[in-house]
């Protein structure tokens, strides 16, 4: 009885050359050769050819044809709908920017931060902000404007520093 190692050492180079001739690619020929020996060793059907070499070539050809049919059925997906989510670099940049904004906001009085949050985060009109914080509408506008101006100045300062 022939061991798997003996079988492989005796016929691997011939099966590889045949597979390379079929596939035209070394990596695919290696895959076909490996699959051929696995199928030959684990196969339950009796060998119907004259020689073991012909049997291995038959398996190799069938493996090649199966792989080719599988590849022909595959369709490449087009990137018609790109991923709308931001990439890792964009997320990191956003987090850093948020951290800088939070640092600036922490230095401001609470009422200024509240006015800014109500306008930017909650999109309240200035009249609502003024009523909520018990300010005049003009004072609410001034507070939000000053914070925006301070954040813009800080952003410009950061760009110059980089």
C-alpha atoms as a PDB file:
ATOM      1  CA  UNK A   1       0.000   0.000   0.000  1.00  0.00           C
ATOM      2  CA  UNK A   2       1.295   3.445  -0.992  1.00  0.00           C
ATOM      3  CA  UNK A   3       1.496   6.068   1.786  1.00  0.00           C
ATOM      4  CA  UNK A   4       0.347   9.620   1.213  1.00  0.00           C
ATOM      5  CA  UNK A   5       3.918  10.900   1.456  1.00  0.00           C
ATOM      6  CA  UNK A   6       5.119   8.395  -1.144  1.00  0.00           C
ATOM      7  CA  UNK A   7       2.208   9.278  -3.426  1.00  0.00           C
ATOM      8  CA  UNK A   8       2.890  12.993  -3.098  1.00  0.00           C
ATOM      9  CA  UNK A   9       6.655  12.727  -3.577  1.00  0.00           C
ATOM     10  CA  UNK A  10       6.253  10.521  -6.628  1.00  0.00           C
ATOM     11  CA  UNK A  11       3.692  12.563  -8.538  1.00  0.00           C
ATOM     12  CA  UNK A  12       3.516  16.123  -7.135  1.00  0.00           C
ATOM     13  CA  UNK A  13       5.905  17.671  -9.638  1.00  0.00           C
ATOM     14  CA  UNK A  14       4.062  16.073 -12.602  1.00  0.00           C
ATOM     15  CA  UNK A  15       0.653  17.179 -11.303  1.00  0.00           C
ATOM     16  CA  UNK A  16       1.997  20.668 -10.619  1.00  0.00           C
ATOM     17  CA  UNK A  17       3.399  21.013 -14.169  1.00  0.00           C
ATOM     18  CA  UNK A  18       0.108  19.798 -15.638  1.00  0.00           C
ATOM     19  CA  UNK A  19      -1.862  22.192 -13.401  1.00  0.00           C
ATOM     20  CA  UNK A  20       0.424  25.070 -14.315  1.00  0.00           C
ATOM     21  CA  UNK A  21      -0.103  24.298 -17.984  1.00  0.00           C
ATOM     22  CA  UNK A  22      -3.872  24.402 -17.445  1.00  0.00           C
ATOM     23  CA  UNK A  23      -4.061  27.443 -15.187  1.00  0.00           C
ATOM     24  CA  UNK A  24      -1.125  29.499 -16.363  1.00  0.00           C
ATOM     25  CA  UNK A  25      -0.548  30.713 -12.805  1.00  0.00           C
ATOM     26  CA  UNK A  26       1.868  29.266 -10.260  1.00  0.00           C
ATOM     27  CA  UNK A  27      -0.240  29.965  -7.176  1.00  0.00           C
ATOM     28  CA  UNK A  28      -3.349  28.489  -8.744  1.00  0.00           C
ATOM     29  CA  UNK A  29      -1.341  25.478  -9.900  1.00  0.00           C
ATOM     30  CA  UNK A  30      -0.189  24.940  -6.321  1.00  0.00           C
ATOM     31  CA  UNK A  31      -3.782  25.095  -5.096  1.00  0.00           C
ATOM     32  CA  UNK A  32      -4.927  22.661  -7.780  1.00  0.00           C
ATOM     33  CA  UNK A  33      -2.075  20.283  -6.946  1.00  0.00           C
ATOM     34  CA  UNK A  34      -2.909  20.331  -3.244  1.00  0.00           C
ATOM     35  CA  UNK A  35      -6.611  19.806  -3.903  1.00  0.00           C
ATOM     36  CA  UNK A  36      -5.795  16.958  -6.301  1.00  0.00           C
ATOM     37  CA  UNK A  37      -3.852  15.006  -3.702  1.00  0.00           C
ATOM     38  CA  UNK A  38      -6.448  15.636  -1.011  1.00  0.00           C
ATOM     39  CA  UNK A  39      -9.200  14.336  -3.284  1.00  0.00           C
ATOM     40  CA  UNK A  40      -7.121  11.360  -4.413  1.00  0.00           C
ATOM     41  CA  UNK A  41      -6.317  10.372  -0.846  1.00  0.00           C
ATOM     42  CA  UNK A  42      -9.809  10.868   0.572  1.00  0.00           C
ATOM     43  CA  UNK A  43     -11.734   9.600  -2.462  1.00  0.00           C
ATOM     44  CA  UNK A  44     -13.963   6.594  -1.925  1.00  0.00           C
ATOM     45  CA  UNK A  45     -14.406   5.579  -5.552  1.00  0.00           C
ATOM     46  CA  UNK A  46     -12.143   2.982  -7.095  1.00  0.00           C
ATOM     47  CA  UNK A  47      -9.559   4.153  -9.609  1.00  0.00           C
ATOM     48  CA  UNK A  48     -10.854   3.623 -13.150  1.00  0.00           C
ATOM     49  CA  UNK A  49      -7.795   4.587 -15.159  1.00  0.00           C
ATOM     50  CA  UNK A  50      -4.828   2.536 -16.284  1.00  0.00           C
ATOM     51  CA  UNK A  51      -2.286   4.345 -14.137  1.00  0.00           C
ATOM     52  CA  UNK A  52      -2.208   6.323 -10.958  1.00  0.00           C
ATOM     53  CA  UNK A  53      -0.638   9.248 -12.811  1.00  0.00           C
ATOM     54  CA  UNK A  54      -3.565   9.431 -15.249  1.00  0.00           C
ATOM     55  CA  UNK A  55      -5.952   9.276 -12.298  1.00  0.00           C
ATOM     56  CA  UNK A  56      -4.222  12.265 -10.652  1.00  0.00           C
ATOM     57  CA  UNK A  57      -4.254  14.212 -13.937  1.00  0.00           C
ATOM     58  CA  UNK A  58      -7.987  13.565 -14.262  1.00  0.00           C
ATOM     59  CA  UNK A  59      -8.593  14.889 -10.755  1.00  0.00           C
ATOM     60  CA  UNK A  60      -6.382  17.929 -11.431  1.00  0.00           C
ATOM     61  CA  UNK A  61      -8.279  18.744 -14.621  1.00  0.00           C
ATOM     62  CA  UNK A  62     -11.629  18.406 -12.835  1.00  0.00           C
ATOM     63  CA  UNK A  63     -10.427  20.680 -10.010  1.00  0.00           C
ATOM     64  CA  UNK A  64      -9.265  23.237 -12.577  1.00  0.00           C
ATOM     65  CA  UNK A  65     -12.604  23.130 -14.420  1.00  0.00           C
ATOM     66  CA  UNK A  66     -14.563  23.486 -11.172  1.00  0.00           C
ATOM     67  CA  UNK A  67     -12.492  26.499 -10.152  1.00  0.00           C
ATOM     68  CA  UNK A  68     -12.957  28.095 -13.564  1.00  0.00           C
ATOM     69  CA  UNK A  69     -16.743  27.564 -13.488  1.00  0.00           C
ATOM     70  CA  UNK A  70     -16.902  29.031  -9.994  1.00  0.00           C
ATOM     71  CA  UNK A  71     -14.878  32.064 -11.125  1.00  0.00           C
ATOM     72  CA  UNK A  72     -17.130  32.572 -14.162  1.00  0.00           C
ATOM     73  CA  UNK A  73     -20.212  32.674 -11.924  1.00  0.00           C
ATOM     74  CA  UNK A  74     -18.688  35.312  -9.705  1.00  0.00           C
ATOM     75  CA  UNK A  75     -19.548  38.871 -10.546  1.00  0.00           C
ATOM     76  CA  UNK A  76     -17.431  41.726  -9.304  1.00  0.00           C
ATOM     77  CA  UNK A  77     -19.350  44.201  -7.237  1.00  0.00           C
ATOM     78  CA  UNK A  78     -19.206  47.775  -8.363  1.00  0.00           C
ATOM     79  CA  UNK A  79     -18.872  50.482  -5.801  1.00  0.00           C
ATOM     80  CA  UNK A  80     -22.062  52.209  -6.877  1.00  0.00           C
ATOM     81  CA  UNK A  81     -23.049  53.055  -3.325  1.00  0.00           C
ATOM     82  CA  UNK A  82     -19.911  54.093  -1.464  1.00  0.00           C
ATOM     83  CA  UNK A  83     -19.902  53.759   2.286  1.00  0.00           C
ATOM     84  CA  UNK A  84     -21.273  57.039   3.657  1.00  0.00           C
ATOM     85  CA  UNK A  85     -19.711  56.590   7.065  1.00  0.00           C
ATOM     86  CA  UNK A  86     -16.545  58.553   7.763  1.00  0.00           C
ATOM     87  CA  UNK A  87     -13.220  56.769   7.690  1.00  0.00           C
ATOM     88  CA  UNK A  88     -10.908  56.289  10.675  1.00  0.00           C
ATOM     89  CA  UNK A  89      -8.831  59.385   9.901  1.00  0.00           C
ATOM     90  CA  UNK A  90     -11.940  61.542   9.681  1.00  0.00           C
ATOM     91  CA  UNK A  91     -13.282  60.118  12.954  1.00  0.00           C
ATOM     92  CA  UNK A  92      -9.997  60.809  14.714  1.00  0.00           C
ATOM     93  CA  UNK A  93      -9.915  64.356  13.374  1.00  0.00           C
ATOM     94  CA  UNK A  94     -13.506  64.921  14.516  1.00  0.00           C
ATOM     95  CA  UNK A  95     -12.721  63.623  18.010  1.00  0.00           C
ATOM     96  CA  UNK A  96      -9.670  65.855  18.288  1.00  0.00           C
ATOM     97  CA  UNK A  97     -11.688  68.862  17.109  1.00  0.00           C
ATOM     98  CA  UNK A  98     -14.456  68.052  19.601  1.00  0.00           C
ATOM     99  CA  UNK A  99     -11.883  67.835  22.374  1.00  0.00           C
ATOM    100  CA  UNK A 100     -10.479  71.251  21.450  1.00  0.00           C
ATOM    101  CA  UNK A 101     -13.974  72.773  21.366  1.00  0.00           C
ATOM    102  CA  UNK A 102     -14.807  71.272  24.760  1.00  0.00           C
ATOM    103  CA  UNK A 103     -11.589  72.687  26.237  1.00  0.00           C
ATOM    104  CA  UNK A 104     -12.458  76.164  24.997  1.00  0.00           C
ATOM    105  CA  UNK A 105     -16.060  75.870  26.226  1.00  0.00           C
ATOM    106  CA  UNK A 106     -14.931  74.804  29.718  1.00  0.00           C
ATOM    107  CA  UNK A 107     -13.118  78.111  30.122  1.00  0.00           C
ATOM    108  CA  UNK A 108     -16.330  80.110  29.532  1.00  0.00           C
ATOM    109  CA  UNK A 109     -19.066  81.007  32.027  1.00  0.00           C
ATOM    110  CA  UNK A 110     -21.958  78.560  32.340  1.00  0.00           C
ATOM    111  CA  UNK A 111     -24.559  80.917  30.909  1.00  0.00           C
ATOM    112  CA  UNK A 112     -22.471  81.421  27.748  1.00  0.00           C
ATOM    113  CA  UNK A 113     -22.039  77.660  27.318  1.00  0.00           C
ATOM    114  CA  UNK A 114     -25.779  77.150  27.838  1.00  0.00           C
ATOM    115  CA  UNK A 115     -26.656  79.764  25.203  1.00  0.00           C
ATOM    116  CA  UNK A 116     -24.260  78.209  22.731  1.00  0.00           C
ATOM    117  CA  UNK A 117     -25.531  74.665  23.381  1.00  0.00           C
ATOM    118  CA  UNK A 118     -29.164  75.686  23.014  1.00  0.00           C
ATOM    119  CA  UNK A 119     -28.433  77.381  19.686  1.00  0.00           C
ATOM    120  CA  UNK A 120     -25.989  74.890  18.141  1.00  0.00           C
ATOM    121  CA  UNK A 121     -26.999  71.545  19.575  1.00  0.00           C
ATOM    122  CA  UNK A 122     -30.728  72.061  20.036  1.00  0.00           C
ATOM    123  CA  UNK A 123     -31.230  74.618  17.226  1.00  0.00           C
ATOM    124  CA  UNK A 124     -33.472  76.849  19.294  1.00  0.00           C
ATOM    125  CA  UNK A 125     -34.272  80.323  17.962  1.00  0.00           C
ATOM    126  CA  UNK A 126     -32.716  83.234  19.823  1.00  0.00           C
ATOM    127  CA  UNK A 127     -36.091  84.241  21.304  1.00  0.00           C
ATOM    128  CA  UNK A 128     -36.417  80.792  22.956  1.00  0.00           C
ATOM    129  CA  UNK A 129     -32.829  80.940  24.215  1.00  0.00           C
ATOM    130  CA  UNK A 130     -33.482  84.371  25.720  1.00  0.00           C
ATOM    131  CA  UNK A 131     -36.643  83.139  27.489  1.00  0.00           C
ATOM    132  CA  UNK A 132     -34.926  79.977  28.760  1.00  0.00           C
ATOM    133  CA  UNK A 133     -31.888  81.809  30.146  1.00  0.00           C
ATOM    134  CA  UNK A 134     -33.831  84.926  31.231  1.00  0.00           C
ATOM    135  CA  UNK A 135     -31.809  87.228  28.966  1.00  0.00           C
ATOM    136  CA  UNK A 136     -32.694  89.701  26.299  1.00  0.00           C
ATOM    137  CA  UNK A 137     -32.692  88.337  22.756  1.00  0.00           C
ATOM    138  CA  UNK A 138     -29.799  90.651  21.910  1.00  0.00           C
ATOM    139  CA  UNK A 139     -27.753  89.316  24.844  1.00  0.00           C
ATOM    140  CA  UNK A 140     -28.386  85.739  23.696  1.00  0.00           C
ATOM    141  CA  UNK A 141     -27.223  86.631  20.174  1.00  0.00           C
ATOM    142  CA  UNK A 142     -24.100  88.336  21.522  1.00  0.00           C
ATOM    143  CA  UNK A 143     -23.187  85.365  23.739  1.00  0.00           C
ATOM    144  CA  UNK A 144     -23.517  82.854  20.879  1.00  0.00           C
ATOM    145  CA  UNK A 145     -21.620  85.157  18.511  1.00  0.00           C
ATOM    146  CA  UNK A 146     -18.752  85.657  20.966  1.00  0.00           C
ATOM    147  CA  UNK A 147     -18.370  81.914  21.519  1.00  0.00           C
ATOM    148  CA  UNK A 148     -18.362  81.258  17.774  1.00  0.00           C
ATOM    149  CA  UNK A 149     -15.760  83.986  17.338  1.00  0.00           C
ATOM    150  CA  UNK A 150     -13.614  82.499  20.131  1.00  0.00           C
ATOM    151  CA  UNK A 151     -13.879  78.976  18.640  1.00  0.00           C
ATOM    152  CA  UNK A 152     -12.952  80.295  15.210  1.00  0.00           C
ATOM    153  CA  UNK A 153      -9.949  82.151  16.618  1.00  0.00           C
ATOM    154  CA  UNK A 154      -8.865  79.003  18.451  1.00  0.00           C
ATOM    155  CA  UNK A 155      -9.219  76.923  15.257  1.00  0.00           C
ATOM    156  CA  UNK A 156      -7.132  79.439  13.305  1.00  0.00           C
ATOM    157  CA  UNK A 157      -4.534  79.451  16.076  1.00  0.00           C
ATOM    158  CA  UNK A 158      -4.371  75.626  15.965  1.00  0.00           C
ATOM    159  CA  UNK A 159      -3.908  75.640  12.165  1.00  0.00           C
ATOM    160  CA  UNK A 160      -1.096  78.170  12.411  1.00  0.00           C
ATOM    161  CA  UNK A 161       0.563  76.114  15.154  1.00  0.00           C
ATOM    162  CA  UNK A 162       0.458  72.960  13.023  1.00  0.00           C
END
